[in-house]
Amino acid sequence: MTPSDDVQNNEKMSKQEQGDGWGEILRTMIYAVIIALGIRTVAFEPFNIPSKSMEPTLLVGDYLFVSKYAYGYSRYSIPFGLPLFKGRIFESPVKRGDVAVFKWPYDNSTDYIKRIVGIPGDHIQVRNGILYINDQEVKRKRIDDFIEPAPEGGLRHVAEYQETMPNGVSYDVLDREPNNELDNTRVFTVPPHHYFAMGDNRDNSADSRLELPRGVGFVPAENLVGRAEVLFFSTDGSARWWQFWKWPTATRWSRMFTSLRPHVSDKKP
């Protein structure tokens, strides 16, 4: 074997090793995508909050994890909503007070997040801004104002209340406008396999109080994506993703890793 043969052999081995290296990187990337899709399908999926309908519980710029297994699985648990099966499998009951993500029944593709206040068979009504479940008043008490930037500059104070459901679940809501159009409704009877959802920002939420397409109407059980579990990151919007030097001041540190599971009071109303 001549020196030139050794050079050619070394070049072939180098190219083969380089090809094996790229192949390994590609396989690793494929495995990572498969694992990520698996986790997103059966365990947790991240969501971000684009609107004010769930203030004060959720703010624009919040990022949270939703548990896909909490209510079982439907076609909307699968990426792109592929119709691989009908209904729900491994279904678990939804509880009043849960914050849930679901697909808007009007197009079955847009993600909405609201609080579940009515389960199948419930009679839901709002009277003078007070929520009634099965003709029983949901107690609420006035707490500190919710403070937010005003459009004209400065700060604006919004009336904030703590609601406590008959099952002891409590959470905070906003009442921006007395005698708003959504403060008095008819009685809604939640049909089988459906839920009644409302935003915590009661005067600024297109929810089950409004029929499609203005609101969401009754939410089919099949459209549920999952239950909001934990808020893992939050930004006030003053920094773009590439402005890393602004992240420390743009991040809402106090909101990070906040549980979104409803608080259950020991003393039911």
Protein backbone atom coordinates (compact mmCIF):
# COMPACT_ATOMS: atom_id res chain seq x y z
CA MET A 1 0.00 0.00 0.00
CA THR A 2 1.38 3.34 -1.06
CA PRO A 3 1.21 6.57 0.95
CA SER A 4 -1.41 7.84 -1.49
CA ASP A 5 -3.57 4.81 -0.70
CA ASP A 6 -3.32 5.62 3.01
CA VAL A 7 -4.45 9.19 2.35
CA GLN A 8 -7.43 8.01 0.30
CA ASN A 9 -8.43 5.50 2.97
CA ASN A 10 -8.18 8.14 5.69
CA GLU A 11 -10.33 10.51 3.62
CA LYS A 12 -12.98 7.79 3.14
CA MET A 13 -13.00 7.01 6.87
CA SER A 14 -13.26 10.71 7.70
CA LYS A 15 -16.22 11.16 5.34
CA GLN A 16 -17.89 8.05 6.75
CA GLU A 17 -17.40 9.24 10.32
CA GLN A 18 -18.75 12.69 9.35
CA GLY A 19 -21.79 11.05 7.75
CA ASP A 20 -22.35 8.92 10.86
CA GLY A 21 -22.11 12.08 12.99
CA TRP A 22 -24.75 13.92 10.98
CA GLY A 23 -26.94 10.82 11.01
CA GLU A 24 -26.70 10.64 14.80
CA ILE A 25 -27.61 14.32 15.11
CA LEU A 26 -30.63 13.81 12.83
CA ARG A 27 -31.79 10.76 14.80
CA THR A 28 -31.43 12.68 18.06
CA MET A 29 -33.51 15.54 16.67
CA ILE A 30 -36.23 13.15 15.49
CA TYR A 31 -36.32 11.43 18.90
CA ALA A 32 -36.53 14.83 20.63
CA VAL A 33 -39.47 15.89 18.44
CA ILE A 34 -41.28 12.58 19.07
CA ILE A 35 -40.76 12.90 22.85
CA ALA A 36 -41.89 16.55 22.83
CA LEU A 37 -45.04 15.68 20.86
CA GLY A 38 -45.71 12.79 23.22
CA ILE A 39 -45.42 15.01 26.30
CA ARG A 40 -47.58 17.69 24.67
CA THR A 41 -50.23 15.12 23.75
CA VAL A 42 -50.56 13.14 26.99
CA ALA A 43 -49.05 15.27 29.75
CA PHE A 44 -48.55 19.05 29.59
CA GLU A 45 -48.90 21.76 26.97
CA PRO A 46 -47.75 25.39 27.33
CA PHE A 47 -50.16 28.26 26.66
CA ASN A 48 -49.84 32.02 26.78
CA ILE A 49 -52.52 34.57 27.67
CA PRO A 50 -53.33 37.08 24.87
CA SER A 51 -56.42 38.80 26.35
CA LYS A 52 -57.75 40.37 29.57
CA SER A 53 -60.83 38.18 29.96
CA MET A 54 -59.40 36.24 32.92
CA GLU A 55 -58.06 39.19 34.94
CA PRO A 56 -57.16 39.32 37.78
CA THR A 57 -56.33 35.59 37.80
CA LEU A 58 -54.45 35.67 34.49
CA LEU A 59 -52.77 38.66 32.89
CA VAL A 60 -51.73 39.32 29.30
CA GLY A 61 -48.18 37.99 29.00
CA ASP A 62 -48.67 35.06 31.39
CA TYR A 63 -47.38 31.64 30.32
CA LEU A 64 -48.83 28.51 31.88
CA PHE A 65 -48.87 24.75 31.69
CA VAL A 66 -52.12 22.89 31.05
CA SER A 67 -52.47 19.27 32.10
CA LYS A 68 -53.80 17.22 29.19
CA TYR A 69 -54.59 14.20 31.36
CA ALA A 70 -56.80 16.05 33.88
CA TYR A 71 -60.04 15.47 31.96
CA GLY A 72 -58.99 12.57 29.77
CA TYR A 73 -58.34 12.86 26.04
CA SER A 74 -60.28 13.87 22.96
CA ARG A 75 -59.28 14.61 19.37
CA TYR A 76 -58.29 18.10 20.56
CA SER A 77 -55.64 16.62 22.81
CA ILE A 78 -53.78 15.61 19.67
CA PRO A 79 -51.74 18.18 17.70
CA PHE A 80 -53.80 19.66 14.84
CA GLY A 81 -56.97 18.08 16.26
CA LEU A 82 -56.75 14.98 14.10
CA PRO A 83 -60.10 13.10 14.21
CA LEU A 84 -58.66 9.77 15.29
CA PHE A 85 -61.59 9.02 17.62
CA LYS A 86 -64.82 10.56 18.92
CA GLY A 87 -65.74 11.75 22.39
CA ARG A 88 -63.31 11.44 25.30
CA ILE A 89 -61.30 8.50 26.59
CA PHE A 90 -60.11 8.07 30.19
CA GLU A 91 -62.56 10.88 31.02
CA SER A 92 -62.41 12.49 34.46
CA PRO A 93 -65.03 14.88 35.85
CA VAL A 94 -64.63 18.62 35.52
CA LYS A 95 -65.10 20.51 38.78
CA ARG A 96 -66.77 23.85 39.27
CA GLY A 97 -64.08 26.50 39.66
CA ASP A 98 -61.50 24.84 37.40
CA VAL A 99 -59.68 27.09 34.94
CA ALA A 100 -59.87 25.20 31.67
CA VAL A 101 -58.55 25.56 28.13
CA PHE A 102 -60.93 24.51 25.36
CA LYS A 103 -61.45 24.89 21.64
CA TRP A 104 -63.96 27.57 20.67
CA PRO A 105 -67.07 25.63 19.56
CA TYR A 106 -67.58 28.03 16.64
CA ASP A 107 -64.47 26.91 14.74
CA ASN A 108 -63.14 24.06 16.93
CA SER A 109 -59.62 25.42 16.54
CA THR A 110 -59.19 28.68 18.50
CA ASP A 111 -58.00 28.21 22.09
CA TYR A 112 -60.06 29.84 24.85
CA ILE A 113 -59.40 29.84 28.58
CA LYS A 114 -62.19 30.43 31.10
CA ARG A 115 -63.38 29.31 34.50
CA ILE A 116 -65.89 26.44 34.59
CA VAL A 117 -68.86 27.55 36.71
CA GLY A 118 -71.51 25.10 35.52
CA ILE A 119 -71.51 21.35 34.97
CA PRO A 120 -74.13 19.24 33.16
CA GLY A 121 -77.60 19.73 34.66
CA ASP A 122 -76.78 22.99 36.45
CA HIS A 123 -79.01 26.04 36.20
CA ILE A 124 -76.82 29.14 35.79
CA GLN A 125 -77.94 32.76 35.97
CA VAL A 126 -76.42 36.17 36.66
CA ARG A 127 -78.60 38.68 38.51
CA ASN A 128 -77.35 42.20 39.13
CA GLY A 129 -73.80 41.00 38.65
CA ILE A 130 -74.19 38.11 41.13
CA LEU A 131 -73.67 34.54 39.92
CA TYR A 132 -76.33 31.98 40.87
CA ILE A 133 -75.82 28.23 40.58
CA ASN A 134 -78.99 26.15 40.87
CA ASP A 135 -80.75 29.23 42.27
CA GLN A 136 -78.13 29.49 45.04
CA GLU A 137 -76.20 32.74 45.27
CA VAL A 138 -72.43 32.50 44.90
CA LYS A 139 -71.21 34.60 47.81
CA ARG A 140 -68.73 37.36 47.14
CA LYS A 141 -66.94 39.91 49.27
CA ARG A 142 -65.20 43.15 48.36
CA ILE A 143 -61.40 43.08 48.55
CA ASP A 144 -58.66 45.49 47.47
CA ASP A 145 -58.98 47.22 44.10
CA PHE A 146 -57.33 45.80 41.01
CA ILE A 147 -54.99 48.52 39.74
CA GLU A 148 -54.08 48.80 36.07
CA PRO A 149 -52.73 51.42 33.63
CA ALA A 150 -55.46 53.72 32.33
CA PRO A 151 -55.70 54.39 28.56
CA GLU A 152 -55.52 58.14 29.19
CA GLY A 153 -52.46 57.72 31.41
CA GLY A 154 -51.98 57.15 35.10
CA LEU A 155 -53.64 54.31 36.99
CA ARG A 156 -57.21 53.04 37.15
CA HIS A 157 -58.86 51.28 40.11
CA VAL A 158 -61.27 48.43 39.35
CA ALA A 159 -63.58 46.84 41.91
CA GLU A 160 -62.32 43.36 42.84
CA TYR A 161 -64.27 40.68 44.69
CA GLN A 162 -63.59 37.22 46.06
CA GLU A 163 -66.24 34.72 45.01
CA THR A 164 -66.81 31.50 46.93
CA MET A 165 -68.85 28.74 45.34
CA PRO A 166 -71.13 26.39 47.28
CA ASN A 167 -68.40 23.72 47.08
CA GLY A 168 -65.93 26.05 48.86
CA VAL A 169 -63.87 26.97 45.79
CA SER A 170 -62.86 30.64 45.91
CA TYR A 171 -61.21 32.97 43.39
CA ASP A 172 -61.12 36.67 42.54
CA VAL A 173 -63.23 38.46 39.92
CA LEU A 174 -63.53 42.01 38.58
CA ASP A 175 -66.66 44.16 38.29
CA ARG A 176 -65.80 47.02 35.94
CA GLU A 177 -69.22 48.40 35.09
CA PRO A 178 -72.41 48.35 37.19
CA ASN A 179 -75.43 47.26 35.13
CA ASN A 180 -73.33 45.91 32.28
CA GLU A 181 -75.23 43.95 29.61
CA LEU A 182 -73.79 40.71 31.03
CA ASP A 183 -74.84 41.49 34.63
CA ASN A 184 -78.35 40.11 34.07
CA THR A 185 -78.99 36.96 32.07
CA ARG A 186 -81.66 34.38 31.50
CA VAL A 187 -81.45 31.03 33.25
CA PHE A 188 -79.12 28.67 31.38
CA THR A 189 -79.60 24.93 31.81
CA VAL A 190 -76.34 23.17 31.03
CA PRO A 191 -77.04 20.22 28.69
CA PRO A 192 -75.46 16.77 29.06
CA HIS A 193 -71.80 16.54 28.06
CA HIS A 194 -71.42 20.34 28.13
CA TYR A 195 -70.09 22.99 30.52
CA PHE A 196 -70.75 26.63 31.31
CA ALA A 197 -67.65 28.85 31.31
CA MET A 198 -67.15 32.45 32.44
CA GLY A 199 -64.21 34.84 32.51
CA ASP A 200 -63.09 36.29 35.85
CA ASN A 201 -63.10 39.73 34.22
CA ARG A 202 -66.89 39.59 34.22
CA ASP A 203 -67.65 42.71 32.17
CA ASN A 204 -64.98 42.00 29.57
CA SER A 205 -65.37 38.36 28.65
CA ALA A 206 -67.04 36.69 25.66
CA ASP A 207 -68.10 33.49 27.40
CA SER A 208 -71.05 31.12 27.86
CA ARG A 209 -73.37 34.01 28.67
CA LEU A 210 -73.26 34.90 24.98
CA GLU A 211 -74.38 32.63 22.15
CA LEU A 212 -72.10 31.79 19.25
CA PRO A 213 -70.41 33.53 17.55
CA ARG A 214 -70.40 36.51 19.96
CA GLY A 215 -69.41 34.26 22.84
CA VAL A 216 -68.74 30.56 23.35
CA GLY A 217 -72.18 29.22 24.29
CA PHE A 218 -72.12 25.88 26.07
CA VAL A 219 -68.72 24.19 25.87
CA PRO A 220 -68.88 20.57 24.61
CA ALA A 221 -66.94 18.13 26.76
CA GLU A 222 -65.10 16.98 23.64
CA ASN A 223 -63.68 20.49 23.16
CA LEU A 224 -61.87 20.54 26.49
CA VAL A 225 -58.09 20.57 26.06
CA GLY A 226 -56.99 20.51 29.68
CA ARG A 227 -56.88 22.15 33.10
CA ALA A 228 -54.62 25.12 33.84
CA GLU A 229 -52.14 23.97 36.48
CA VAL A 230 -49.27 26.39 37.02
CA LEU A 231 -48.11 29.78 35.77
CA PHE A 232 -44.41 29.31 34.97
CA PHE A 233 -43.47 32.67 33.39
CA SER A 234 -44.89 36.16 32.97
CA THR A 235 -43.79 39.30 31.15
CA ASP A 236 -45.34 42.77 31.09
CA GLY A 237 -44.65 43.16 27.36
CA SER A 238 -42.02 45.89 27.68
CA ALA A 239 -39.29 43.68 26.16
CA ARG A 240 -39.22 41.72 22.93
CA TRP A 241 -37.86 38.18 22.95
CA TRP A 242 -34.46 39.29 21.61
CA GLN A 243 -34.04 42.19 24.08
CA PHE A 244 -32.46 39.99 26.72
CA TRP A 245 -31.02 42.98 28.57
CA LYS A 246 -34.61 44.07 29.37
CA TRP A 247 -35.79 40.67 30.62
CA PRO A 248 -35.00 41.33 34.30
CA THR A 249 -37.28 44.39 34.40
CA ALA A 250 -39.94 43.02 32.03
CA THR A 251 -40.39 39.75 33.92
CA ARG A 252 -43.13 39.65 36.54
CA TRP A 253 -41.07 37.66 39.03
CA SER A 254 -43.80 37.47 41.67
CA ARG A 255 -46.10 35.56 39.29
CA MET A 256 -43.66 32.83 38.36
CA PHE A 257 -44.51 29.28 39.47
CA THR A 258 -47.94 30.28 40.76
CA SER A 259 -50.47 27.47 41.14
CA LEU A 260 -53.71 27.94 39.22
CA ARG A 261 -55.63 25.24 41.05
CA PRO A 262 -58.67 26.78 42.79
CA HIS A 263 -58.39 27.49 46.50
CA VAL A 264 -60.87 25.48 48.55
CA SER A 265 -62.01 27.14 51.74
CA ASP A 266 -62.49 25.07 54.88
CA LYS A 267 -65.58 27.11 55.62
CA LYS A 268 -68.11 26.80 52.82
CA PRO A 269 -70.57 29.67 52.43
